[in-house]
PDB file of N, CA and C in Angstrom:
ATOM      1  N   MET A   1     104.779 120.554  97.710  1.00  0.00           N
ATOM      2  CA  MET A   1     105.308 119.602  96.745  1.00  0.00           C
ATOM      3  C   MET A   1     104.390 118.383  96.621  1.00  0.00           C
ATOM      4  N   ALA A   2     103.862 117.918  97.732  1.00  0.00           N
ATOM      5  CA  ALA A   2     102.999 116.736  97.689  1.00  0.00           C
ATOM      6  C   ALA A   2     101.737 117.027  96.887  1.00  0.00           C
ATOM      7  N   VAL A   3     101.137 118.202  97.117  1.00  0.00           N
ATOM      8  CA  VAL A   3      99.923 118.549  96.379  1.00  0.00           C
ATOM      9  C   VAL A   3     100.238 118.656  94.888  1.00  0.00           C
ATOM     10  N   GLU A   4     101.374 119.246  94.558  1.00  0.00           N
ATOM     11  CA  GLU A   4     101.765 119.370  93.152  1.00  0.00           C
ATOM     12  C   GLU A   4     101.916 117.991  92.506  1.00  0.00           C
ATOM     13  N   ARG A   5     102.540 117.063  93.215  1.00  0.00           N
ATOM     14  CA  ARG A   5     102.714 115.696  92.699  1.00  0.00           C
ATOM     15  C   ARG A   5     101.369 115.038  92.412  1.00  0.00           C
ATOM     16  N   PHE A   6     100.432 115.214  93.327  1.00  0.00           N
ATOM     17  CA  PHE A   6      99.131 114.599  93.154  1.00  0.00           C
ATOM     18  C   PHE A   6      98.320 115.275  92.050  1.00  0.00           C
ATOM     19  N   LEU A   7      98.525 116.573  91.870  1.00  0.00           N
ATOM     20  CA  LEU A   7      97.858 117.248  90.759  1.00  0.00           C
ATOM     21  C   LEU A   7      98.409 116.757  89.423  1.00  0.00           C
ATOM     22  N   GLN A   8      99.676 116.427  89.384  1.00  0.00           N
ATOM     23  CA  GLN A   8     100.242 115.848  88.173  1.00  0.00           C
ATOM     24  C   GLN A   8      99.568 114.513  87.880  1.00  0.00           C
ATOM     25  N   ALA A   9      99.278 113.746  88.909  1.00  0.00           N
ATOM     26  CA  ALA A   9      98.567 112.474  88.722  1.00  0.00           C
ATOM     27  C   ALA A   9      97.174 112.730  88.166  1.00  0.00           C
ATOM     28  N   LEU A  10      96.518 113.777  88.626  1.00  0.00           N
ATOM     29  CA  LEU A  10      95.195 114.128  88.127  1.00  0.00           C
ATOM     30  C   LEU A  10      95.269 114.491  86.646  1.00  0.00           C
ATOM     31  N   ARG A  11      96.280 115.239  86.285  1.00  0.00           N
ATOM     32  CA  ARG A  11      96.457 115.598  84.873  1.00  0.00           C
ATOM     33  C   ARG A  11      96.725 114.363  84.022  1.00  0.00           C
ATOM     34  N   LEU A  12      97.463 113.411  84.561  1.00  0.00           N
ATOM     35  CA  LEU A  12      97.722 112.159  83.850  1.00  0.00           C
ATOM     36  C   LEU A  12      96.411 111.408  83.622  1.00  0.00           C
ATOM     37  N   MET A  13      95.544 111.395  84.629  1.00  0.00           N
ATOM     38  CA  MET A  13      94.241 110.761  84.484  1.00  0.00           C
ATOM     39  C   MET A  13      93.476 111.411  83.328  1.00  0.00           C
ATOM     40  N   GLU A  14      93.549 112.718  83.250  1.00  0.00           N
ATOM     41  CA  GLU A  14      92.857 113.450  82.190  1.00  0.00           C
ATOM     42  C   GLU A  14      93.400 113.033  80.820  1.00  0.00           C
ATOM     43  N   HIS A  15      94.706 112.946  80.702  1.00  0.00           N
ATOM     44  CA  HIS A  15      95.328 112.567  79.439  1.00  0.00           C
ATOM     45  C   HIS A  15      95.003 111.125  79.053  1.00  0.00           C
ATOM     46  N   GLN A  16      94.700 110.291  80.032  1.00  0.00           N
ATOM     47  CA  GLN A  16      94.344 108.899  79.761  1.00  0.00           C
ATOM     48  C   GLN A  16      92.868 108.755  79.398  1.00  0.00           C
ATOM     49  N   GLY A  17      92.159 109.880  79.374  1.00  0.00           N
ATOM     50  CA  GLY A  17      90.754 109.850  78.973  1.00  0.00           C
ATOM     51  C   GLY A  17      89.780 109.578  80.099  1.00  0.00           C
ATOM     52  N   LEU A  18      90.256 109.562  81.337  1.00  0.00           N
ATOM     53  CA  LEU A  18      89.363 109.349  82.473  1.00  0.00           C
ATOM     54  C   LEU A  18      88.602 110.640  82.776  1.00  0.00           C
ATOM     55  N   ALA A  19      87.380 110.529  83.250  1.00  0.00           N
ATOM     56  CA  ALA A  19      86.555 111.700  83.545  1.00  0.00           C
ATOM     57  C   ALA A  19      87.144 112.465  84.726  1.00  0.00           C
ATOM     58  N   VAL A  20      87.478 113.707  84.466  1.00  0.00           N
ATOM     59  CA  VAL A  20      88.047 114.583  85.492  1.00  0.00           C
ATOM     60  C   VAL A  20      87.362 115.937  85.363  1.00  0.00           C
ATOM     61  N   SER A  21      86.985 116.524  86.477  1.00  0.00           N
ATOM     62  CA  SER A  21      86.350 117.835  86.473  1.00  0.00           C
ATOM     63  C   SER A  21      87.260 118.866  85.814  1.00  0.00           C
ATOM     64  N   LYS A  22      86.680 119.744  84.986  1.00  0.00           N
ATOM     65  CA  LYS A  22      87.480 120.790  84.344  1.00  0.00           C
ATOM     66  C   LYS A  22      88.171 121.674  85.379  1.00  0.00           C
ATOM     67  N   ALA A  23      87.510 121.950  86.486  1.00  0.00           N
ATOM     68  CA  ALA A  23      88.096 122.803  87.518  1.00  0.00           C
ATOM     69  C   ALA A  23      89.275 122.140  88.209  1.00  0.00           C
ATOM     70  N   ALA A  24      89.418 120.828  88.050  1.00  0.00           N
ATOM     71  CA  ALA A  24      90.496 120.103  88.719  1.00  0.00           C
ATOM     72  C   ALA A  24      91.678 119.859  87.793  1.00  0.00           C
ATOM     73  N   THR A  25      91.634 120.380  86.586  1.00  0.00           N
ATOM     74  CA  THR A  25      92.669 120.044  85.616  1.00  0.00           C
ATOM     75  C   THR A  25      93.540 121.211  85.222  1.00  0.00           C
ATOM     76  N   THR A  26      94.580 120.876  84.560  1.00  0.00           N
ATOM     77  CA  THR A  26      95.613 121.695  83.931  1.00  0.00           C
ATOM     78  C   THR A  26      95.656 123.140  84.399  1.00  0.00           C
ATOM     79  N   ALA A  27      95.216 124.061  83.565  1.00  0.00           N
ATOM     80  CA  ALA A  27      95.450 125.480  83.824  1.00  0.00           C
ATOM     81  C   ALA A  27      94.733 125.986  85.068  1.00  0.00           C
ATOM     82  N   GLU A  28      93.557 125.426  85.356  1.00  0.00           N
ATOM     83  CA  GLU A  28      92.783 125.962  86.463  1.00  0.00           C
ATOM     84  C   GLU A  28      93.233 125.469  87.829  1.00  0.00           C
ATOM     85  N   MET A  29      93.739 124.242  87.916  1.00  0.00           N
ATOM     86  CA  MET A  29      94.084 123.686  89.217  1.00  0.00           C
ATOM     87  C   MET A  29      95.591 123.746  89.436  1.00  0.00           C
ATOM     88  N   THR A  30      95.949 124.478  90.443  1.00  0.00           N
ATOM     89  CA  THR A  30      97.337 124.578  90.873  1.00  0.00           C
ATOM     90  C   THR A  30      97.380 124.143  92.331  1.00  0.00           C
ATOM     91  N   PRO A  31      98.555 123.875  92.872  1.00  0.00           N
ATOM     92  CA  PRO A  31      98.616 123.543  94.294  1.00  0.00           C
ATOM     93  C   PRO A  31      97.981 124.631  95.162  1.00  0.00           C
ATOM     94  N   ARG A  32      98.222 125.884  94.821  1.00  0.00           N
ATOM     95  CA  ARG A  32      97.658 126.992  95.598  1.00  0.00           C
ATOM     96  C   ARG A  32      96.127 126.982  95.522  1.00  0.00           C
ATOM     97  N   ARG A  33      95.599 126.714  94.341  1.00  0.00           N
ATOM     98  CA  ARG A  33      94.144 126.666  94.159  1.00  0.00           C
ATOM     99  C   ARG A  33      93.540 125.487  94.921  1.00  0.00           C
ATOM    100  N   ALA A  34      94.213 124.334  94.886  1.00  0.00           N
ATOM    101  CA  ALA A  34      93.721 123.160  95.608  1.00  0.00           C
ATOM    102  C   ALA A  34      93.640 123.455  97.099  1.00  0.00           C
ATOM    103  N   ILE A  35      94.668 124.070  97.632  1.00  0.00           N
ATOM    104  CA  ILE A  35      94.676 124.401  99.060  1.00  0.00           C
ATOM    105  C   ILE A  35      93.616 125.457  99.361  1.00  0.00           C
ATOM    106  N   GLY A  36      93.452 126.406  98.450  1.00  0.00           N
ATOM    107  CA  GLY A  36      92.410 127.422  98.615  1.00  0.00           C
ATOM    108  C   GLY A  36      91.030 126.800  98.697  1.00  0.00           C
ATOM    109  N   LEU A  37      90.766 125.802  97.850  1.00  0.00           N
ATOM    110  CA  LEU A  37      89.480 125.102  97.897  1.00  0.00           C
ATOM    111  C   LEU A  37      89.318 124.351  99.210  1.00  0.00           C
ATOM    112  N   MET A  38      90.405 123.775  99.696  1.00  0.00           N
ATOM    113  CA  MET A  38      90.336 123.027 100.956  1.00  0.00           C
ATOM    114  C   MET A  38      89.985 123.932 102.133  1.00  0.00           C
ATOM    115  N   LEU A  39      90.406 125.173 102.066  1.00  0.00           N
ATOM    116  CA  LEU A  39      90.196 126.090 103.183  1.00  0.00           C
ATOM    117  C   LEU A  39      88.838 126.789 103.155  1.00  0.00           C
ATOM    118  N   ARG A  40      88.150 126.736 102.024  1.00  0.00           N
ATOM    119  CA  ARG A  40      86.862 127.420 101.919  1.00  0.00           C
ATOM    120  C   ARG A  40      85.738 126.603 102.544  1.00  0.00           C
ATOM    121  N   ARG A  41      84.689 127.289 102.918  1.00  0.00           N
ATOM    122  CA  ARG A  41      83.496 126.614 103.429  1.00  0.00           C
ATOM    123  C   ARG A  41      82.852 125.844 102.288  1.00  0.00           C
ATOM    124  N   ARG A  42      82.460 124.627 102.566  1.00  0.00           N
ATOM    125  CA  ARG A  42      81.890 123.766 101.524  1.00  0.00           C
ATOM    126  C   ARG A  42      80.659 124.416 100.878  1.00  0.00           C
ATOM    127  N   GLU A  43      79.865 125.115 101.681  1.00  0.00           N
ATOM    128  CA  GLU A  43      78.642 125.702 101.139  1.00  0.00           C
ATOM    129  C   GLU A  43      78.909 126.873 100.184  1.00  0.00           C
ATOM    130  N   THR A  44      80.127 127.398 100.163  1.00  0.00           N
ATOM    131  CA  THR A  44      80.444 128.498  99.244  1.00  0.00           C
ATOM    132  C   THR A  44      81.036 128.000  97.921  1.00  0.00           C
ATOM    133  N   LEU A  45      81.301 126.706  97.825  1.00  0.00           N
ATOM    134  CA  LEU A  45      81.880 126.153  96.601  1.00  0.00           C
ATOM    135  C   LEU A  45      80.793 125.937  95.547  1.00  0.00           C
ATOM    136  N   THR A  46      81.152 126.188  94.288  1.00  0.00           N
ATOM    137  CA  THR A  46      80.240 125.860  93.197  1.00  0.00           C
ATOM    138  C   THR A  46      80.232 124.344  93.019  1.00  0.00           C
ATOM    139  N   LYS A  47      79.312 123.835  92.216  1.00  0.00           N
ATOM    140  CA  LYS A  47      79.273 122.391  91.959  1.00  0.00           C
ATOM    141  C   LYS A  47      80.590 121.929  91.340  1.00  0.00           C
ATOM    142  N   GLU A  48      81.102 122.702  90.394  1.00  0.00           N
ATOM    143  CA  GLU A  48      82.344 122.348  89.717  1.00  0.00           C
ATOM    144  C   GLU A  48      83.517 122.354  90.705  1.00  0.00           C
ATOM    145  N   GLU A  49      83.570 123.350  91.592  1.00  0.00           N
ATOM    146  CA  GLU A  49      84.631 123.410  92.593  1.00  0.00           C
ATOM    147  C   GLU A  49      84.522 122.249  93.574  1.00  0.00           C
ATOM    148  N   SER A  50      83.304 121.909  93.978  1.00  0.00           N
ATOM    149  CA  SER A  50      83.114 120.777  94.885  1.00  0.00           C
ATOM    150  C   SER A  50      83.600 119.481  94.253  1.00  0.00           C
ATOM    151  N   LEU A  51      83.270 119.286  92.982  1.00  0.00           N
ATOM    152  CA  LEU A  51      83.710 118.095  92.270  1.00  0.00           C
ATOM    153  C   LEU A  51      85.233 118.074  92.150  1.00  0.00           C
ATOM    154  N   ALA A  52      85.815 119.230  91.840  1.00  0.00           N
ATOM    155  CA  ALA A  52      87.275 119.325  91.728  1.00  0.00           C
ATOM    156  C   ALA A  52      87.936 118.984  93.060  1.00  0.00           C
ATOM    157  N   LEU A  53      87.409 119.537  94.150  1.00  0.00           N
ATOM    158  CA  LEU A  53      87.965 119.262  95.472  1.00  0.00           C
ATOM    159  C   LEU A  53      87.835 117.788  95.815  1.00  0.00           C
ATOM    160  N   GLU A  54      86.703 117.205  95.511  1.00  0.00           N
ATOM    161  CA  GLU A  54      86.492 115.782  95.771  1.00  0.00           C
ATOM    162  C   GLU A  54      87.509 114.934  94.999  1.00  0.00           C
ATOM    163  N   GLN A  55      87.748 115.283  93.743  1.00  0.00           N
ATOM    164  CA  GLN A  55      88.699 114.531  92.929  1.00  0.00           C
ATOM    165  C   GLN A  55      90.124 114.687  93.453  1.00  0.00           C
ATOM    166  N   VAL A  56      90.482 115.894  93.864  1.00  0.00           N
ATOM    167  CA  VAL A  56      91.819 116.114  94.424  1.00  0.00           C
ATOM    168  C   VAL A  56      91.975 115.303  95.707  1.00  0.00           C
ATOM    169  N   CYS A  57      90.954 115.286  96.563  1.00  0.00           N
ATOM    170  CA  CYS A  57      91.031 114.550  97.833  1.00  0.00           C
ATOM    171  C   CYS A  57      91.092 113.041  97.627  1.00  0.00           C
ATOM    172  N   GLN A  58      90.560 112.555  96.521  1.00  0.00           N
ATOM    173  CA  GLN A  58      90.575 111.124  96.250  1.00  0.00           C
ATOM    174  C   GLN A  58      91.911 110.645  95.690  1.00  0.00           C
ATOM    175  N   LEU A  59      92.782 111.558  95.336  1.00  0.00           N
ATOM    176  CA  LEU A  59      94.056 111.153  94.747  1.00  0.00           C
ATOM    177  C   LEU A  59      94.951 110.404  95.720  1.00  0.00           C
ATOM    178  N   HIS A  60      94.864 110.769  96.995  1.00  0.00           N
ATOM    179  CA  HIS A  60      95.727 110.122  97.987  1.00  0.00           C
ATOM    180  C   HIS A  60      95.133 110.325  99.376  1.00  0.00           C
ATOM    181  N   PRO A  61      95.236 109.322 100.242  1.00  0.00           N
ATOM    182  CA  PRO A  61      94.680 109.463 101.600  1.00  0.00           C
ATOM    183  C   PRO A  61      95.286 110.637 102.373  1.00  0.00           C
ATOM    184  N   HIS A  62      96.534 110.981 102.109  1.00  0.00           N
ATOM    185  CA  HIS A  62      97.151 112.102 102.820  1.00  0.00           C
ATOM    186  C   HIS A  62      96.502 113.432 102.445  1.00  0.00           C
ATOM    187  N   ILE A  63      96.113 113.579 101.188  1.00  0.00           N
ATOM    188  CA  ILE A  63      95.433 114.807 100.783  1.00  0.00           C
ATOM    189  C   ILE A  63      94.070 114.876 101.445  1.00  0.00           C
ATOM    190  N   ASN A  64      93.368 113.772 101.463  1.00  0.00           N
ATOM    191  CA  ASN A  64      92.062 113.729 102.111  1.00  0.00           C
ATOM    192  C   ASN A  64      92.196 114.060 103.599  1.00  0.00           C
ATOM    193  N   ARG A  65      93.208 113.520 104.245  1.00  0.00           N
ATOM    194  CA  ARG A  65      93.438 113.786 105.680  1.00  0.00           C
ATOM    195  C   ARG A  65      93.801 115.255 105.899  1.00  0.00           C
ATOM    196  N   ALA A  66      94.629 115.810 105.017  1.00  0.00           N
ATOM    197  CA  ALA A  66      94.991 117.228 105.130  1.00  0.00           C
ATOM    198  C   ALA A  66      93.745 118.096 105.006  1.00  0.00           C
ATOM    199  N   HIS A  67      92.862 117.741 104.094  1.00  0.00           N
ATOM    200  CA  HIS A  67      91.619 118.499 103.936  1.00  0.00           C
ATOM    201  C   HIS A  67      90.783 118.449 105.215  1.00  0.00           C
ATOM    202  N   ALA A  68      90.657 117.277 105.796  1.00  0.00           N
ATOM    203  CA  ALA A  68      89.890 117.140 107.033  1.00  0.00           C
ATOM    204  C   ALA A  68      90.520 117.982 108.157  1.00  0.00           C
ATOM    205  N   LEU A  69      91.843 117.957 108.242  1.00  0.00           N
ATOM    206  CA  LEU A  69      92.524 118.743 109.276  1.00  0.00           C
ATOM    207  C   LEU A  69      92.388 120.243 109.024  1.00  0.00           C
ATOM    208  N   PHE A  70      92.482 120.651 107.757  1.00  0.00           N
ATOM    209  CA  PHE A  70      92.267 122.065 107.412  1.00  0.00           C
ATOM    210  C   PHE A  70      90.891 122.505 107.883  1.00  0.00           C
ATOM    211  N   GLN A  71      89.872 121.704 107.564  1.00  0.00           N
ATOM    212  CA  GLN A  71      88.509 122.056 107.916  1.00  0.00           C
ATOM    213  C   GLN A  71      88.335 122.160 109.430  1.00  0.00           C
ATOM    214  N   HIS A  72      88.929 121.226 110.158  1.00  0.00           N
ATOM    215  CA  HIS A  72      88.824 121.256 111.622  1.00  0.00           C
ATOM    216  C   HIS A  72      89.511 122.504 112.187  1.00  0.00           C
ATOM    217  N   CYS A  73      90.675 122.815 111.675  1.00  0.00           N
ATOM    218  CA  CYS A  73      91.421 123.984 112.138  1.00  0.00           C
ATOM    219  C   CYS A  73      90.661 125.275 111.828  1.00  0.00           C
ATOM    220  N   VAL A  74      90.131 125.377 110.625  1.00  0.00           N
ATOM    221  CA  VAL A  74      89.369 126.557 110.240  1.00  0.00           C
ATOM    222  C   VAL A  74      88.138 126.709 111.130  1.00  0.00           C
ATOM    223  N   GLN A  75      87.474 125.608 111.456  1.00  0.00           N
ATOM    224  CA  GLN A  75      86.311 125.662 112.349  1.00  0.00           C
ATOM    225  C   GLN A  75      86.716 126.195 113.723  1.00  0.00           C
ATOM    226  N   MET A  76      87.865 125.750 114.215  1.00  0.00           N
ATOM    227  CA  MET A  76      88.330 126.243 115.520  1.00  0.00           C
ATOM    228  C   MET A  76      88.565 127.743 115.461  1.00  0.00           C
ATOM    229  N   LEU A  77      89.120 128.227 114.349  1.00  0.00           N
ATOM    230  CA  LEU A  77      89.365 129.663 114.205  1.00  0.00           C
ATOM    231  C   LEU A  77      88.050 130.438 114.101  1.00  0.00           C
ATOM    232  N   ARG A  78      87.130 129.933 113.320  1.00  0.00           N
ATOM    233  CA  ARG A  78      85.851 130.625 113.125  1.00  0.00           C
ATOM    234  C   ARG A  78      85.035 130.715 114.408  1.00  0.00           C
ATOM    235  N   PHE A  79      85.059 129.653 115.204  1.00  0.00           N
ATOM    236  CA  PHE A  79      84.229 129.598 116.398  1.00  0.00           C
ATOM    237  C   PHE A  79      85.019 129.811 117.689  1.00  0.00           C
ATOM    238  N   HIS A  80      86.261 130.274 117.535  1.00  0.00           N
ATOM    239  CA  HIS A  80      87.098 130.586 118.700  1.00  0.00           C
ATOM    240  C   HIS A  80      87.124 129.447 119.714  1.00  0.00           C
ATOM    241  N   SER A  81      87.375 128.232 119.222  1.00  0.00           N
ATOM    242  CA  SER A  81      87.399 127.081 120.112  1.00  0.00           C
ATOM    243  C   SER A  81      88.822 126.503 120.184  1.00  0.00           C
ATOM    244  N   GLY A  82      89.752 127.327 120.593  1.00  0.00           N
ATOM    245  CA  GLY A  82      91.155 126.942 120.675  1.00  0.00           C
ATOM    246  C   GLY A  82      91.424 125.825 121.675  1.00  0.00           C
ATOM    247  N   GLU A  83      90.496 125.590 122.581  1.00  0.00           N
ATOM    248  CA  GLU A  83      90.691 124.525 123.568  1.00  0.00           C
ATOM    249  C   GLU A  83      90.750 123.145 122.886  1.00  0.00           C
ATOM    250  N   GLU A  84      90.261 123.051 121.644  1.00  0.00           N
ATOM    251  CA  GLU A  84      90.311 121.785 120.889  1.00  0.00           C
ATOM    252  C   GLU A  84      91.649 121.565 120.200  1.00  0.00           C
ATOM    253  N   LEU A  85      92.526 122.527 120.293  1.00  0.00           N
ATOM    254  CA  LEU A  85      93.793 122.474 119.569  1.00  0.00           C
ATOM    255  C   LEU A  85      94.629 121.250 119.925  1.00  0.00           C
ATOM    256  N   GLU A  86      94.659 120.866 121.158  1.00  0.00           N
ATOM    257  CA  GLU A  86      95.465 119.717 121.579  1.00  0.00           C
ATOM    258  C   GLU A  86      95.023 118.429 120.880  1.00  0.00           C
ATOM    259  N   SER A  87      93.715 118.273 120.699  1.00  0.00           N
ATOM    260  CA  SER A  87      93.210 117.045 120.075  1.00  0.00           C
ATOM    261  C   SER A  87      93.453 117.084 118.595  1.00  0.00           C
TER     262      SER A  87
END
């Protein structure tokens, strides 16, 4: 729900004429897509996807923090470093 709310804010920015990445707007960006981008390796994102992810993360500090936590968790899974889980 929180991601959906923030995506609505992004769409509002678009309607107000502010520059917003096409990949971050209306039909292409859904809460599921935003989370999918957060979970992917940064090096596999296209320029447009990277810009979209950056714009979504800038909407609210909680989204940015969730992205950072997603990335840390995914790194622990990829490198089998579960001992970092407590931190």
